[in-house]
Protein backbone atom coordinates (compact mmCIF):
# COMPACT_ATOMS: atom_id res chain seq x y z
CA MET A 1 -7.68 -88.11 -104.22
CA THR A 2 -10.25 -90.87 -104.79
CA ALA A 3 -11.54 -92.17 -108.11
CA ARG A 4 -14.93 -90.58 -107.40
CA SER A 5 -13.35 -87.21 -106.70
CA ALA A 6 -11.27 -87.39 -109.90
CA LEU A 7 -14.39 -88.21 -111.89
CA ARG A 8 -16.33 -85.26 -110.45
CA ARG A 9 -13.51 -82.88 -111.32
CA TYR A 10 -13.16 -84.33 -114.81
CA MET A 11 -16.89 -83.95 -115.44
CA LEU A 12 -16.85 -80.32 -114.22
CA VAL A 13 -13.86 -79.44 -116.38
CA SER A 14 -15.44 -81.16 -119.39
CA PHE A 15 -18.63 -79.12 -118.91
CA LEU A 16 -16.84 -75.80 -118.44
CA THR A 17 -14.53 -76.39 -121.41
CA TRP A 18 -17.41 -76.67 -123.88
CA LEU A 19 -19.95 -74.29 -122.30
CA PRO A 20 -18.27 -71.11 -123.68
CA LEU A 21 -18.24 -72.59 -127.19
CA GLY A 22 -21.94 -73.43 -126.99
CA LEU A 23 -22.79 -69.92 -125.76
CA MET A 24 -20.79 -68.34 -128.57
CA ALA A 25 -22.03 -70.58 -131.38
CA ALA A 26 -25.64 -69.41 -131.29
CA THR A 27 -24.95 -65.80 -132.31
CA MET A 28 -21.38 -65.66 -133.66
CA VAL A 29 -22.25 -65.33 -137.34
CA LEU A 30 -25.13 -62.95 -136.62
CA LEU A 31 -22.80 -60.76 -134.53
CA MET A 32 -20.26 -60.59 -137.35
CA THR A 33 -22.83 -59.67 -140.00
CA ALA A 34 -24.54 -57.14 -137.71
CA ARG A 35 -21.21 -55.35 -137.35
CA GLY A 36 -20.66 -55.07 -141.07
CA LEU A 37 -18.85 -58.22 -142.18
CA GLY A 38 -19.86 -59.86 -145.43
CA LEU A 39 -20.35 -63.60 -145.73
CA ALA A 40 -16.96 -64.00 -147.40
CA GLU A 41 -15.25 -62.26 -144.47
CA VAL A 42 -17.21 -64.38 -141.99
CA GLY A 43 -16.10 -67.51 -143.84
CA LEU A 44 -12.47 -66.37 -143.83
CA SER A 45 -12.59 -65.74 -140.09
CA VAL A 46 -13.97 -69.23 -139.46
CA THR A 47 -11.39 -70.74 -141.82
CA VAL A 48 -8.57 -69.03 -139.92
CA PHE A 49 -9.85 -70.61 -136.71
CA SER A 50 -9.82 -74.05 -138.35
CA VAL A 51 -6.35 -73.60 -139.84
CA VAL A 52 -4.85 -72.41 -136.54
CA THR A 53 -6.47 -75.30 -134.67
CA ALA A 54 -5.24 -77.90 -137.15
CA THR A 55 -1.73 -76.43 -137.26
CA LEU A 56 -1.32 -76.44 -133.50
CA GLU A 57 -3.04 -79.75 -132.68
CA LEU A 58 0.12 -81.85 -132.54
CA PRO A 59 2.52 -79.28 -131.04
CA THR A 60 0.12 -78.46 -128.21
CA GLY A 61 -0.57 -82.14 -127.61
CA GLY A 62 3.15 -82.71 -127.30
CA LEU A 63 3.43 -79.70 -125.00
CA ALA A 64 0.82 -81.22 -122.66
CA ASP A 65 2.70 -84.52 -122.59
CA VAL A 66 5.97 -82.75 -121.78
CA LEU A 67 4.90 -79.87 -119.55
CA GLY A 68 1.79 -81.25 -117.87
CA ARG A 69 -1.98 -81.35 -118.39
CA ARG A 70 -3.02 -78.68 -115.89
CA VAL A 71 -0.70 -75.97 -117.22
CA VAL A 72 -1.86 -76.43 -120.81
CA LEU A 73 -5.54 -76.48 -119.81
CA ALA A 74 -5.10 -73.29 -117.79
CA VAL A 75 -3.44 -71.53 -120.71
CA SER A 76 -6.26 -72.73 -122.98
CA ALA A 77 -8.85 -71.24 -120.62
CA ALA A 78 -6.97 -67.93 -120.57
CA PHE A 79 -6.91 -67.82 -124.38
CA THR A 80 -10.66 -68.56 -124.43
CA VAL A 81 -11.34 -65.64 -122.07
CA ALA A 82 -9.34 -63.30 -124.31
CA ALA A 83 -10.88 -64.63 -127.54
CA LEU A 84 -14.51 -64.32 -126.45
CA ALA A 85 -14.02 -60.95 -124.75
CA LEU A 86 -12.48 -59.64 -127.97
CA LEU A 87 -15.26 -61.21 -130.04
CA ALA A 88 -17.87 -59.36 -127.99
CA VAL A 89 -16.31 -55.95 -128.63
CA SER A 90 -15.05 -56.50 -132.18
CA THR A 91 -16.24 -54.02 -134.78
CA THR A 92 -13.86 -54.67 -137.70
CA PHE A 93 -12.86 -57.63 -139.80
CA TRP A 94 -9.32 -57.66 -138.36
CA MET A 95 -10.59 -57.74 -134.78
CA PHE A 96 -12.80 -60.72 -135.62
CA LEU A 97 -9.85 -62.35 -137.39
CA ILE A 98 -7.63 -61.99 -134.32
CA SER A 99 -10.43 -63.40 -132.19
CA GLY A 100 -10.54 -66.40 -134.55
CA VAL A 101 -6.79 -66.93 -134.11
CA LEU A 102 -7.11 -66.81 -130.32
CA LYS A 103 -10.02 -69.26 -130.41
CA GLY A 104 -7.98 -71.61 -132.58
CA VAL A 105 -5.08 -71.55 -130.12
CA ALA A 106 -7.45 -72.20 -127.22
CA ARG A 107 -9.15 -75.07 -129.04
CA ALA A 108 -5.86 -76.74 -129.93
CA LEU A 109 -4.59 -76.43 -126.36
CA SER A 110 -7.79 -77.95 -124.94
CA SER A 111 -7.72 -81.01 -127.22
CA GLY A 112 -6.85 -83.95 -125.00
CA PRO A 113 -5.30 -82.74 -121.71
CA ALA A 114 -8.42 -83.07 -119.56
CA THR A 115 -9.05 -86.64 -120.67
CA SER A 116 -5.38 -87.49 -120.28
CA TRP A 117 -5.41 -86.01 -116.77
CA TYR A 118 -8.37 -88.19 -115.80
CA VAL A 119 -6.90 -91.37 -117.31
CA ASP A 120 -3.50 -90.78 -115.66
CA THR A 121 -5.16 -90.01 -112.32
CA LEU A 122 -7.40 -93.09 -112.47
CA HIS A 123 -4.47 -95.30 -113.43
CA GLY A 124 -2.56 -93.90 -110.47
CA ILE A 125 -5.42 -94.76 -108.12
CA GLU A 126 -6.68 -98.09 -109.48
CA GLY A 127 -3.85 -99.31 -111.69
CA ARG A 128 -3.59 -99.79 -115.43
CA ASP A 129 -6.46 -102.28 -115.48
CA ALA A 130 -8.97 -99.62 -114.34
CA ASP A 131 -12.16 -99.52 -116.41
CA LEU A 132 -12.05 -96.23 -118.34
CA LYS A 133 -15.44 -96.49 -120.05
CA PRO A 134 -17.75 -95.21 -117.27
CA GLY A 135 -15.66 -92.12 -116.54
CA LEU A 136 -14.99 -91.27 -120.17
CA ALA A 137 -18.69 -91.74 -120.90
CA ARG A 138 -19.69 -89.28 -118.20
CA GLY A 139 -17.09 -86.77 -119.34
CA GLY A 140 -18.33 -87.03 -122.93
CA ALA A 141 -21.91 -86.66 -121.75
CA MET A 142 -21.02 -83.48 -119.84
CA GLU A 143 -19.43 -82.00 -122.97
CA SER A 144 -22.63 -82.60 -124.91
CA VAL A 145 -24.79 -81.24 -122.08
CA ALA A 146 -22.63 -78.11 -122.01
CA LEU A 147 -23.07 -77.56 -125.74
CA CYS A 148 -26.81 -78.18 -125.50
CA VAL A 149 -27.25 -75.77 -122.60
CA GLY A 150 -24.91 -73.23 -124.19
CA VAL A 151 -26.67 -73.17 -127.56
CA LEU A 152 -30.10 -72.73 -125.98
CA ALA A 153 -28.91 -70.09 -123.49
CA GLY A 154 -26.85 -68.25 -126.09
CA GLY A 155 -29.77 -68.20 -128.50
CA GLY A 156 -32.20 -66.80 -125.93
CA LEU A 157 -29.90 -64.38 -124.11
CA PRO A 158 -30.05 -61.56 -126.71
CA LEU A 159 -33.82 -61.41 -126.22
CA LEU A 160 -33.36 -60.78 -122.49
CA VAL A 161 -30.55 -58.21 -122.51
CA PRO A 162 -31.58 -54.51 -122.55
CA ALA A 163 -30.25 -52.97 -125.74
CA GLN A 164 -29.33 -49.75 -123.90
CA VAL A 165 -26.98 -51.69 -121.61
CA ILE A 166 -25.14 -53.89 -124.13
CA PHE A 167 -25.43 -54.86 -127.76
CA PRO A 168 -27.68 -57.93 -127.40
CA LEU A 169 -25.72 -60.18 -129.77
CA ALA A 170 -22.53 -59.46 -127.82
CA ALA A 171 -23.97 -60.83 -124.57
CA PRO A 172 -23.45 -64.57 -125.29
CA PRO A 173 -19.69 -64.32 -125.95
CA LEU A 174 -19.27 -62.14 -122.84
CA VAL A 175 -21.05 -64.74 -120.72
CA GLY A 176 -18.88 -67.38 -122.44
CA ALA A 177 -15.74 -65.45 -121.44
CA THR A 178 -16.99 -65.46 -117.84
CA ALA A 179 -17.54 -69.23 -117.98
CA ALA A 180 -14.00 -69.65 -119.32
CA ALA A 181 -12.66 -67.59 -116.40
CA VAL A 182 -14.44 -69.98 -114.02
CA LEU A 183 -12.80 -72.87 -115.88
CA LEU A 184 -9.40 -71.26 -115.38
CA VAL A 185 -9.94 -71.10 -111.62
CA VAL A 186 -11.19 -74.70 -111.47
CA VAL A 187 -8.23 -76.02 -113.46
CA VAL A 188 -5.67 -74.19 -111.32
CA PHE A 189 -7.14 -75.17 -107.95
CA ALA A 190 -9.03 -78.45 -108.55
CA MET A 191 -6.77 -80.43 -110.89
CA PRO A 192 -3.71 -81.42 -108.86
CA GLU A 193 -0.89 -82.84 -110.90
CA PRO A 194 2.03 -84.78 -109.41
CA ALA A 195 5.00 -82.50 -108.91
CA HIS A 196 7.56 -82.39 -111.66
CA ALA A 197 11.03 -80.91 -111.81
CA ARG A 198 11.33 -77.21 -112.61
CA ARG A 199 12.33 -76.76 -116.23
CA SER A 200 13.30 -73.90 -118.47
CA LEU A 201 11.10 -72.92 -121.39
CA ILE A 202 13.88 -73.82 -123.82
CA SER A 203 14.16 -77.36 -122.46
CA VAL A 204 10.41 -77.79 -122.77
CA LEU A 205 10.34 -76.54 -126.35
CA ARG A 206 13.22 -78.83 -127.27
CA GLU A 207 11.32 -81.90 -126.12
CA VAL A 208 8.00 -81.03 -127.79
CA PRO A 209 9.13 -81.90 -131.36
CA ALA A 210 10.57 -85.23 -130.17
CA THR A 211 7.36 -86.05 -128.31
CA VAL A 212 5.24 -85.11 -131.33
CA GLY A 213 7.43 -87.18 -133.64
CA ALA A 214 7.20 -90.18 -131.35
CA GLY A 215 3.41 -89.83 -131.14
CA VAL A 216 3.01 -89.56 -134.90
CA ARG A 217 5.28 -92.55 -135.51
CA LEU A 218 3.28 -94.53 -132.99
CA ALA A 219 -0.06 -93.59 -134.57
CA ALA A 220 1.26 -94.51 -138.02
CA GLY A 221 3.05 -97.68 -136.95
CA ALA A 222 0.59 -99.32 -134.57
CA PRO A 223 -2.14 -101.25 -136.44
CA VAL A 224 -4.83 -100.45 -133.87
CA LEU A 225 -4.03 -96.73 -133.95
CA ARG A 226 -3.94 -96.61 -137.75
CA ARG A 227 -7.47 -97.97 -137.80
CA LEU A 228 -8.64 -95.54 -135.15
CA MET A 229 -7.17 -92.56 -137.04
CA ALA A 230 -8.98 -93.69 -140.22
CA ALA A 231 -12.23 -94.01 -138.26
CA ALA A 232 -11.77 -90.46 -136.96
CA ALA A 233 -11.34 -89.19 -140.52
CA ALA A 234 -14.59 -90.90 -141.54
CA SER A 235 -16.35 -89.21 -138.60
CA GLY A 236 -15.04 -85.88 -139.85
CA VAL A 237 -16.61 -86.52 -143.25
CA VAL A 238 -20.06 -87.24 -141.83
CA LEU A 239 -19.95 -84.33 -139.36
CA ILE A 240 -19.14 -81.83 -142.08
CA SER A 241 -21.87 -83.30 -144.28
CA ILE A 242 -24.32 -82.42 -141.51
CA GLU A 243 -22.94 -78.94 -140.83
CA LEU A 244 -22.85 -78.05 -144.52
CA LEU A 245 -26.16 -79.42 -145.68
CA THR A 246 -28.56 -79.46 -142.73
CA PRO A 247 -29.06 -75.67 -142.28
CA GLY A 248 -30.12 -75.18 -145.89
CA ARG A 249 -32.35 -78.23 -145.76
CA LEU A 250 -34.11 -76.98 -142.62
CA ALA A 251 -34.49 -73.47 -144.04
CA GLU A 252 -36.12 -74.99 -147.11
CA LEU A 253 -38.49 -77.02 -144.93
CA ALA A 254 -39.32 -74.13 -142.59
CA GLY A 255 -40.06 -71.74 -145.43
CA THR A 256 -37.73 -68.83 -144.52
CA ALA A 257 -34.12 -68.39 -143.48
CA GLU A 258 -35.19 -66.97 -140.10
CA ARG A 259 -37.43 -69.92 -139.29
CA GLY A 260 -34.80 -72.29 -140.61
CA SER A 261 -32.23 -70.73 -138.29
CA LEU A 262 -34.54 -71.29 -135.32
CA ALA A 263 -35.21 -74.86 -136.43
CA TYR A 264 -31.49 -75.52 -136.76
CA ALA A 265 -30.83 -74.13 -133.26
CA VAL A 266 -33.46 -76.46 -131.79
CA VAL A 267 -32.24 -79.46 -133.79
CA SER A 268 -28.63 -78.73 -132.79
CA ALA A 269 -29.60 -78.67 -129.13
CA LEU A 270 -31.43 -81.98 -129.55
CA GLY A 271 -28.36 -83.35 -131.31
CA PHE A 272 -26.10 -82.38 -128.40
CA ALA A 273 -28.57 -83.96 -125.98
CA SER A 274 -28.56 -87.11 -128.11
CA SER A 275 -24.76 -87.07 -128.09
CA ALA A 276 -24.85 -86.99 -124.29
CA ALA A 277 -27.23 -89.95 -124.31
CA GLY A 278 -24.91 -91.83 -126.67
CA SER A 279 -21.93 -91.25 -124.37
CA ALA A 280 -23.93 -92.54 -121.41
CA LEU A 281 -25.06 -95.60 -123.37
CA ALA A 282 -21.62 -96.49 -124.75
CA PRO A 283 -20.50 -98.78 -121.89
CA ARG A 284 -23.74 -100.77 -122.07
CA VAL A 285 -23.53 -101.02 -125.86
CA ALA A 286 -19.96 -102.32 -125.53
CA ARG A 287 -21.09 -104.99 -123.07
CA LEU A 288 -23.95 -106.10 -125.29
CA ALA A 289 -21.71 -106.14 -128.37
CA GLY A 290 -19.01 -108.19 -126.69
CA GLY A 291 -16.40 -105.45 -126.37
CA SER A 292 -15.43 -101.94 -127.35
CA ALA A 293 -14.74 -102.82 -130.99
CA GLY A 294 -18.16 -104.45 -131.34
CA GLY A 295 -19.79 -101.44 -129.69
CA ALA A 296 -17.98 -99.10 -132.09
CA ILE A 297 -19.30 -101.14 -135.03
CA ALA A 298 -22.85 -100.80 -133.69
CA GLY A 299 -22.50 -97.03 -133.23
CA THR A 300 -20.93 -96.54 -136.66
CA VAL A 301 -23.62 -98.56 -138.44
CA LEU A 302 -26.33 -96.61 -136.62
CA ALA A 303 -24.71 -93.34 -137.73
CA ALA A 304 -24.51 -94.54 -141.35
CA LEU A 305 -28.17 -95.59 -141.34
CA SER A 306 -29.15 -92.19 -139.91
CA VAL A 307 -27.37 -90.29 -142.69
CA GLY A 308 -29.01 -92.68 -145.16
CA ALA A 309 -32.37 -91.78 -143.61
CA LEU A 310 -31.62 -88.09 -144.17
CA ALA A 311 -30.97 -88.86 -147.82
CA ALA A 312 -34.09 -91.01 -148.13
CA THR A 313 -36.35 -88.31 -146.66
CA ALA A 314 -34.82 -85.41 -148.59
CA GLY A 315 -37.92 -85.27 -150.79
CA LEU A 316 -40.36 -84.80 -147.91
CA ARG A 317 -41.87 -81.38 -147.32
CA GLY A 318 -43.53 -79.53 -144.45
CA PRO A 319 -43.81 -80.93 -140.90
CA ALA A 320 -43.11 -84.49 -142.05
CA GLY A 321 -39.78 -83.39 -143.49
CA LEU A 322 -38.86 -81.43 -140.35
CA VAL A 323 -39.74 -84.29 -138.01
CA SER A 324 -37.93 -86.92 -140.09
CA ALA A 325 -34.84 -84.72 -140.37
CA GLY A 326 -34.84 -84.05 -136.63
CA LEU A 327 -35.20 -87.73 -135.72
CA ALA A 328 -32.44 -88.75 -138.13
CA TYR A 329 -30.20 -86.00 -136.74
CA MET A 330 -30.75 -87.17 -133.15
CA THR A 331 -30.14 -90.84 -134.01
CA LEU A 332 -26.99 -89.91 -135.91
CA PHE A 333 -25.46 -88.22 -132.89
CA VAL A 334 -26.30 -91.15 -130.62
CA GLY A 335 -24.40 -93.45 -132.98
CA LEU A 336 -21.45 -91.11 -133.45
CA SER A 337 -21.16 -90.56 -129.71
CA VAL A 338 -21.20 -94.29 -128.92
CA ALA A 339 -18.51 -95.00 -131.51
CA GLY A 340 -16.46 -91.93 -130.56
CA LEU A 341 -16.41 -92.75 -126.87
CA LEU A 342 -15.33 -96.33 -127.46
CA CYS A 343 -12.67 -95.21 -129.96
CA LEU A 344 -11.37 -92.84 -127.30
CA GLU A 345 -11.11 -95.69 -124.81
CA MET A 346 -9.30 -97.91 -127.32
CA THR A 347 -6.90 -95.06 -128.14
CA HIS A 348 -6.00 -94.49 -124.49
CA ASN A 349 -5.53 -98.22 -123.92
CA ALA A 350 -3.08 -98.37 -126.83
CA VAL A 351 -0.65 -95.68 -125.66
CA SER A 352 1.47 -94.78 -122.66
CA ALA A 353 0.98 -91.71 -120.50
CA ALA A 354 3.88 -89.89 -122.16
CA GLU A 355 2.24 -90.19 -125.60
CA ARG A 356 -1.38 -89.91 -124.56
CA THR A 357 -2.24 -86.30 -125.42
CA THR A 358 -0.13 -86.28 -128.58
CA VAL A 359 -1.96 -89.32 -129.96
CA THR A 360 -5.39 -87.93 -129.05
CA SER A 361 -4.39 -84.73 -130.83
CA THR A 362 -3.45 -86.84 -133.85
CA SER A 363 -6.94 -88.33 -133.74
CA SER A 364 -8.46 -84.85 -133.62
CA LEU A 365 -6.30 -83.84 -136.58
CA SER A 366 -7.50 -86.90 -138.50
CA LEU A 367 -11.11 -85.89 -137.86
CA GLN A 368 -10.38 -82.40 -139.14
CA ALA A 369 -8.64 -83.82 -142.21
CA GLY A 370 -11.77 -85.81 -143.01
CA GLY A 371 -13.75 -82.59 -142.61
CA VAL A 372 -11.49 -80.76 -145.06
CA VAL A 373 -12.01 -83.48 -147.67
CA ALA A 374 -15.77 -83.28 -147.12
CA ASN A 375 -15.68 -79.48 -147.40
CA LEU A 376 -13.95 -79.73 -150.77
CA THR A 377 -16.24 -82.42 -152.19
CA LEU A 378 -19.68 -82.67 -150.62
CA GLY A 379 -20.70 -79.05 -151.15
CA ALA A 380 -19.93 -79.25 -154.86
CA LEU A 381 -21.60 -82.67 -155.10
CA ALA A 382 -24.75 -81.35 -153.44
CA GLY A 383 -24.82 -78.37 -155.79
CA GLN A 384 -24.58 -80.56 -158.88
CA ALA A 385 -26.47 -83.72 -157.92
CA GLY A 386 -28.56 -82.69 -154.92
CA VAL A 387 -28.36 -82.94 -151.16
CA ALA A 388 -29.58 -86.54 -151.10
CA VAL A 389 -26.67 -87.74 -153.25
CA ALA A 390 -24.14 -85.97 -151.03
CA TRP A 391 -25.63 -87.56 -147.94
CA ILE A 392 -25.57 -90.97 -149.58
CA GLY A 393 -21.86 -90.48 -150.23
CA ALA A 394 -21.24 -89.56 -146.59
CA ALA A 395 -23.31 -92.54 -145.41
CA LEU A 396 -21.24 -94.93 -147.53
CA VAL A 397 -17.99 -93.52 -146.15
CA VAL A 398 -19.02 -93.93 -142.52
CA LEU A 399 -20.54 -97.38 -143.19
CA ALA A 400 -17.29 -98.56 -144.77
CA SER A 401 -15.41 -97.31 -141.70
CA ALA A 402 -17.24 -99.91 -139.58
CA LEU A 403 -15.01 -102.51 -141.22
CA LEU A 404 -12.03 -100.93 -139.45
CA PHE A 405 -13.25 -102.41 -136.16
CA VAL A 406 -13.60 -105.97 -137.45
CA ARG A 407 -10.89 -108.16 -135.91
CA MET A 408 -9.36 -105.10 -134.29
CA PRO A 409 -5.67 -105.79 -133.54
CA ALA A 410 -4.57 -105.94 -129.93
CA PRO A 411 -2.84 -102.81 -128.58
CA THR A 412 0.91 -102.65 -129.13
CA GLY A 413 3.36 -102.89 -126.31
CA SER A 414 3.57 -99.12 -126.08
CA SER A 415 1.00 -98.83 -123.35
CA ARG A 416 2.77 -101.41 -121.21
CA SER A 417 6.31 -100.23 -121.70
CA PRO A 418 8.16 -97.88 -119.38
CA ALA A 419 7.40 -94.26 -120.09
CA PRO A 420 9.92 -92.24 -122.11
CA ARG A 421 11.98 -89.54 -120.45
CA ALA A 422 9.37 -86.83 -121.05
CA ARG A 423 6.98 -88.57 -118.69
CA SER A 424 9.26 -88.09 -115.71
CA HIS A 425 8.83 -84.34 -116.02
CA SER A 426 5.04 -84.30 -116.37
CA GLY A 427 4.13 -86.26 -113.30
């Protein structure tokens, strides 16, 4: 396999991994409410998804490092097929709840293995000094493109489906399940992994806790990784501040909940497109800033200024408010994507292949932890002091996180040391 071939496969897998989620996102809540769930039940279903994802992040990351990237990605795709197919036919709260559990398992399993597969493959072809930024940037851009395309297609599909053939709101998750089935086929046949010794399930499960423990100790003990985990938590705070507060703000500006929902769908698609642009721009930003750490500072500051702009324009009304909110939203995702891509590169450069997926799962868990803190604080703050104050708080958090990249420590010796025993079994 050549580096170009590996990149094409990584980009395709990145696109197919996120396309089902984009298709589902546009109508998921509407589907639940149309089939009789109250808002509290919808919230509980979404919370279960988040809890399952967070709980399994590290174990599944360790499983990928021990068992192999392709196997874990294939299982994730299978869980996605089951979850979205069940979502499409669910009619009770418990069916939706089970679908949420399945989605959480799939999400946790998909966190990291594709990127780790690409990095390992590129290192095998070009050596450990291979430049990761261009490939990771294209993979990140494909994820954002998939979400953008999925949200727009999922939002429009119910208008095109004959009601006598299928319940219109159920069409997007069914199409998402089909996309996940395509992903399963691609992963099985287009992601070759070096052969590893046959192992029993018990031996695999025994090594997962040790691999997870080693990854967590590494993330906590290495100065560069500690900073990157803190930066991920700050990103979680700002992302939740957007998800919590933007829909209501747009509904207020648009005049009705229905128009606000449409405005949010359009703005979300523009945000995903902006995220793709940020991923594509990240290597150039790093060059102009004198390195990945400097590029991450630039992206983080841009994100902070964008959230500050949302706060500053919170008093605007009508078209001016909609346009200013949309522009700030797009700029925010450019900045977050630039910083996120460069943080991903720095994370992979700081670890060995045997720890790679576990540490990226730790980063994902840190982001979710920041989101939990924001969920518990920003909503209440917005209710008491206003949306602008909550956004100012989020902007200050992400701006302070830029200091984490100043005089970034060099990677530890982990990435240069011989791989632990688990690596010999995962190719």
